[in-house]
C-alpha atoms as a PDB file:
ATOM      1  CA  MET A   1       0.109  -0.056  -0.046  1.00  0.00           C
ATOM      2  CA  ALA A   2       1.190   3.487  -0.881  1.00  0.00           C
ATOM      3  CA  VAL A   3       0.916   6.654   1.358  1.00  0.00           C
ATOM      4  CA  VAL A   4       1.722  10.556   0.417  1.00  0.00           C
ATOM      5  CA  ALA A   5       4.102  11.905   2.385  1.00  0.00           C
ATOM      6  CA  ALA A   6       3.503  15.396   3.280  1.00  0.00           C
ATOM      7  CA  ASP A   7       6.151  16.469   1.117  1.00  0.00           C
ATOM      8  CA  GLY A   8       4.270  15.045  -1.696  1.00  0.00           C
ATOM      9  CA  SER A   9       6.574  11.787  -1.839  1.00  0.00           C
ATOM     10  CA  VAL A  10       5.289   8.325  -2.069  1.00  0.00           C
ATOM     11  CA  GLU A  11       6.035   5.730   0.604  1.00  0.00           C
ATOM     12  CA  ALA A  12       5.151   2.087   0.802  1.00  0.00           C
ATOM     13  CA  VAL A  13       3.389   1.025   4.014  1.00  0.00           C
ATOM     14  CA  GLU A  14       3.272  -2.291   5.684  1.00  0.00           C
ATOM     15  CA  ALA A  15      -0.356  -3.526   7.019  1.00  0.00           C
ATOM     16  CA  GLN A  16      -0.956  -2.997  10.799  1.00  0.00           C
ATOM     17  CA  LYS A  17      -1.509  -5.830  13.049  1.00  0.00           C
ATOM     18  CA  VAL A  18      -5.037  -5.835  14.956  1.00  0.00           C
ATOM     19  CA  VAL A  19      -4.560  -5.996  18.521  1.00  0.00           C
ATOM     20  CA  GLY A  20      -6.832  -6.231  21.376  1.00  0.00           C
ATOM     21  CA  THR A  21      -9.741  -8.691  22.404  1.00  0.00           C
ATOM     22  CA  SER A  22     -13.346  -8.650  22.302  1.00  0.00           C
ATOM     23  CA  LEU A  23     -13.597  -7.858  25.873  1.00  0.00           C
ATOM     24  CA  ASN A  24     -11.545  -4.377  25.016  1.00  0.00           C
ATOM     25  CA  VAL A  25     -11.872  -1.771  22.075  1.00  0.00           C
ATOM     26  CA  PRO A  26      -9.105  -2.942  19.513  1.00  0.00           C
ATOM     27  CA  GLY A  27      -6.357  -1.003  18.258  1.00  0.00           C
ATOM     28  CA  PHE A  28      -3.589  -1.144  15.780  1.00  0.00           C
ATOM     29  CA  ALA A  29       0.117  -1.957  16.403  1.00  0.00           C
ATOM     30  CA  PRO A  30       2.213   0.086  14.322  1.00  0.00           C
ATOM     31  CA  ALA A  31       4.567  -1.070  12.243  1.00  0.00           C
ATOM     32  CA  ALA A  32       8.369  -0.299  13.500  1.00  0.00           C
ATOM     33  CA  ASP A  33       8.907   2.161  10.970  1.00  0.00           C
ATOM     34  CA  SER A  34       5.798   3.686  10.674  1.00  0.00           C
ATOM     35  CA  THR A  35       4.338   6.985  12.635  1.00  0.00           C
ATOM     36  CA  PRO A  36       1.431   5.780  15.057  1.00  0.00           C
ATOM     37  CA  ARG A  37      -1.819   7.208  13.723  1.00  0.00           C
ATOM     38  CA  LYS A  38      -5.363   8.007  15.444  1.00  0.00           C
ATOM     39  CA  SER A  39      -7.318   5.677  13.368  1.00  0.00           C
ATOM     40  CA  ALA A  40      -7.041   3.387  10.883  1.00  0.00           C
ATOM     41  CA  PRO A  41      -7.787   4.737   7.237  1.00  0.00           C
ATOM     42  CA  ALA A  42     -11.191   4.000   5.841  1.00  0.00           C
ATOM     43  CA  ASP A  43     -10.397   0.980   3.757  1.00  0.00           C
ATOM     44  CA  ARG A  44      -8.691  -0.856   6.934  1.00  0.00           C
ATOM     45  CA  ARG A  45     -11.323   0.150   9.720  1.00  0.00           C
ATOM     46  CA  MET A  46     -12.884  -2.617  11.631  1.00  0.00           C
ATOM     47  CA  GLU A  47     -16.106  -3.321  12.295  1.00  0.00           C
ATOM     48  CA  PRO A  48     -17.729  -1.784  15.030  1.00  0.00           C
ATOM     49  CA  LEU A  49     -18.438  -4.525  18.478  1.00  0.00           C
ATOM     50  CA  PRO A  50     -21.739  -5.775  18.327  1.00  0.00           C
ATOM     51  CA  ILE A  51     -21.625  -4.514  22.192  1.00  0.00           C
ATOM     52  CA  LEU A  52     -25.054  -4.282  22.901  1.00  0.00           C
ATOM     53  CA  GLU A  53     -25.667  -7.614  21.611  1.00  0.00           C
ATOM     54  CA  LEU A  54     -23.509  -8.474  24.676  1.00  0.00           C
ATOM     55  CA  MET A  55     -25.515  -6.155  27.428  1.00  0.00           C
ATOM     56  CA  LYS A  56     -27.774  -7.715  29.799  1.00  0.00           C
ATOM     57  CA  LEU A  57     -30.083  -5.980  32.167  1.00  0.00           C
ATOM     58  CA  SER A  58     -30.830  -8.273  35.313  1.00  0.00           C
ATOM     59  CA  ARG A  59     -34.958  -8.717  35.862  1.00  0.00           C
ATOM     60  CA  PRO A  60     -35.188  -5.626  38.605  1.00  0.00           C
ATOM     61  CA  VAL A  61     -33.436  -3.187  36.664  1.00  0.00           C
ATOM     62  CA  SER A  62     -35.329  -3.839  33.354  1.00  0.00           C
ATOM     63  CA  TRP A  63     -38.710  -3.787  35.429  1.00  0.00           C
ATOM     64  CA  PHE A  64     -37.584  -0.112  36.840  1.00  0.00           C
ATOM     65  CA  LEU A  65     -36.503   1.176  33.620  1.00  0.00           C
ATOM     66  CA  LEU A  66     -40.346  -0.265  32.106  1.00  0.00           C
ATOM     67  CA  ALA A  67     -42.106   1.350  35.216  1.00  0.00           C
ATOM     68  CA  PHE A  68     -39.998   4.313  34.882  1.00  0.00           C
ATOM     69  CA  GLY A  69     -41.202   5.080  31.402  1.00  0.00           C
ATOM     70  CA  VAL A  70     -44.406   4.360  32.049  1.00  0.00           C
ATOM     71  CA  TRP A  71     -44.485   6.871  35.063  1.00  0.00           C
ATOM     72  CA  SER A  72     -42.871   9.262  32.828  1.00  0.00           C
ATOM     73  CA  TRP A  73     -46.209   8.829  30.511  1.00  0.00           C
ATOM     74  CA  PHE A  74     -48.357   9.346  33.345  1.00  0.00           C
ATOM     75  CA  ILE A  75     -46.843  12.413  34.572  1.00  0.00           C
ATOM     76  CA  TRP A  76     -45.737  14.470  31.684  1.00  0.00           C
ATOM     77  CA  ILE A  77     -49.111  14.092  29.805  1.00  0.00           C
ATOM     78  CA  THR A  78     -50.643  15.343  33.158  1.00  0.00           C
ATOM     79  CA  PHE A  79     -48.498  17.911  33.499  1.00  0.00           C
ATOM     80  CA  VAL A  80     -48.986  19.040  29.886  1.00  0.00           C
ATOM     81  CA  LYS A  81     -52.755  19.151  30.416  1.00  0.00           C
ATOM     82  CA  ASN A  82     -52.378  20.978  33.556  1.00  0.00           C
ATOM     83  CA  LEU A  83     -50.232  23.600  31.885  1.00  0.00           C
ATOM     84  CA  TRP A  84     -52.805  24.139  28.798  1.00  0.00           C
ATOM     85  CA  LYS A  85     -55.607  24.391  31.322  1.00  0.00           C
ATOM     86  CA  ASP A  86     -53.542  26.950  33.553  1.00  0.00           C
ATOM     87  CA  GLY A  87     -55.735  29.792  34.759  1.00  0.00           C
ATOM     88  CA  SER A  88     -53.085  31.629  36.918  1.00  0.00           C
ATOM     89  CA  GLY A  89     -51.825  33.887  33.969  1.00  0.00           C
ATOM     90  CA  LEU A  90     -48.381  32.332  34.159  1.00  0.00           C
ATOM     91  CA  ALA A  91     -48.662  30.170  31.186  1.00  0.00           C
ATOM     92  CA  PHE A  92     -51.403  32.674  28.940  1.00  0.00           C
ATOM     93  CA  ASP A  93     -51.194  36.116  29.135  1.00  0.00           C
ATOM     94  CA  ASP A  94     -54.512  38.365  29.187  1.00  0.00           C
ATOM     95  CA  ALA A  95     -54.975  37.982  25.434  1.00  0.00           C
ATOM     96  CA  GLY A  96     -54.771  34.278  25.337  1.00  0.00           C
ATOM     97  CA  ASP A  97     -51.178  33.901  23.804  1.00  0.00           C
ATOM     98  CA  PRO A  98     -48.953  31.660  25.111  1.00  0.00           C
ATOM     99  CA  THR A  99     -45.813  33.199  27.438  1.00  0.00           C
ATOM    100  CA  ALA A 100     -42.437  32.198  27.466  1.00  0.00           C
ATOM    101  CA  TYR A 101     -43.309  30.364  30.548  1.00  0.00           C
ATOM    102  CA  PHE A 102     -45.714  27.919  28.475  1.00  0.00           C
ATOM    103  CA  TRP A 103     -42.961  27.396  25.788  1.00  0.00           C
ATOM    104  CA  VAL A 104     -40.345  26.453  28.182  1.00  0.00           C
ATOM    105  CA  HIS A 105     -42.553  24.345  30.401  1.00  0.00           C
ATOM    106  CA  LEU A 106     -43.849  22.551  26.896  1.00  0.00           C
ATOM    107  CA  LEU A 107     -40.254  21.835  25.637  1.00  0.00           C
ATOM    108  CA  LEU A 108     -39.348  20.525  29.434  1.00  0.00           C
ATOM    109  CA  ALA A 109     -42.185  18.173  29.005  1.00  0.00           C
ATOM    110  CA  VAL A 110     -41.699  17.272  26.010  1.00  0.00           C
ATOM    111  CA  ALA A 111     -37.755  16.179  26.270  1.00  0.00           C
ATOM    112  CA  SER A 112     -38.706  14.356  29.508  1.00  0.00           C
ATOM    113  CA  PHE A 113     -41.435  12.559  27.922  1.00  0.00           C
ATOM    114  CA  LEU A 114     -39.567  11.307  25.349  1.00  0.00           C
ATOM    115  CA  LEU A 115     -36.471  10.299  27.347  1.00  0.00           C
ATOM    116  CA  GLY A 116     -39.089   8.589  29.737  1.00  0.00           C
ATOM    117  CA  THR A 117     -40.265   6.551  26.625  1.00  0.00           C
ATOM    118  CA  ALA A 118     -36.630   6.016  25.578  1.00  0.00           C
ATOM    119  CA  ILE A 119     -35.963   4.269  29.295  1.00  0.00           C
ATOM    120  CA  GLY A 120     -39.327   2.458  28.844  1.00  0.00           C
ATOM    121  CA  VAL A 121     -38.368   0.837  25.778  1.00  0.00           C
ATOM    122  CA  ILE A 122     -34.570  -0.061  27.135  1.00  0.00           C
ATOM    123  CA  GLY A 123     -36.698  -1.489  29.845  1.00  0.00           C
ATOM    124  CA  PHE A 124     -39.440  -3.498  27.794  1.00  0.00           C
ATOM    125  CA  ARG A 125     -36.569  -4.800  25.308  1.00  0.00           C
ATOM    126  CA  GLY A 126     -34.598  -6.114  28.707  1.00  0.00           C
ATOM    127  CA  VAL A 127     -37.876  -7.851  30.033  1.00  0.00           C
ATOM    128  CA  ARG A 128     -38.669  -9.122  26.631  1.00  0.00           C
ATOM    129  CA  ALA A 129     -34.927 -10.591  26.269  1.00  0.00           C
ATOM    130  CA  LEU A 130     -35.256 -12.420  29.676  1.00  0.00           C
ATOM    131  CA  ARG A 131     -38.342 -13.908  28.863  1.00  0.00           C
ATOM    132  CA  ARG A 132     -37.140 -15.179  25.880  1.00  0.00           C
ATOM    133  CA  ALA A 133     -33.982 -16.409  27.798  1.00  0.00           C
ATOM    134  CA  ALA A 134     -35.621 -18.217  30.545  1.00  0.00           C
ATOM    135  CA  ALA A 135     -38.605 -19.712  27.839  1.00  0.00           C
ATOM    136  CA  SER A 136     -35.673 -21.056  25.692  1.00  0.00           C
ATOM    137  CA  GLU A 137     -33.750 -22.876  28.886  1.00  0.00           C
ATOM    138  CA  LYS A 138     -36.822 -24.568  30.318  1.00  0.00           C
ATOM    139  CA  PRO A 139     -37.166 -27.119  27.363  1.00  0.00           C
ATOM    140  CA  ALA A 140     -33.259 -27.686  27.645  1.00  0.00           C
ATOM    141  CA  ASP A 141     -33.608 -28.050  31.393  1.00  0.00           C
ATOM    142  CA  SER A 142     -36.325 -30.617  31.016  1.00  0.00           C
ATOM    143  CA  SER A 143     -34.914 -32.798  28.123  1.00  0.00           C
ATOM    144  CA  SER A 144     -31.313 -33.064  30.212  1.00  0.00           C
ATOM    145  CA  ALA A 145     -32.757 -34.382  33.148  1.00  0.00           C
ATOM    146  CA  SER A 146     -34.723 -37.214  31.979  1.00  0.00           C
END
């Protein structure tokens, strides 16, 4: 492989040896005569590690995240309903137009609602994965006991 140096000259560069394990972030070991780089060129980059496939949530954590997502739906929808019906004059001025207070709190509610939904989805996927894992283990255990 050829590389163009800063002065315009073309130099031959040996392929770098990949180091690391599946438990850590793989890196590239530079050849003895090459200058270390922060990352490999695009044609030699490794595929990303499937770290999400290795992640496992415990049953209590999965249920907590799912409950947090449901709580978020209940709390923030109720908050927006109450904000919409606000009669104190904070959310709407005398002409009935929304105030800065209304827009800031609506933005807060929408952001919290979306984050709560994402957290709830993670919890739901964790609960579903645990149920699938338990269902796949039961037939194997009963057949090996016979």
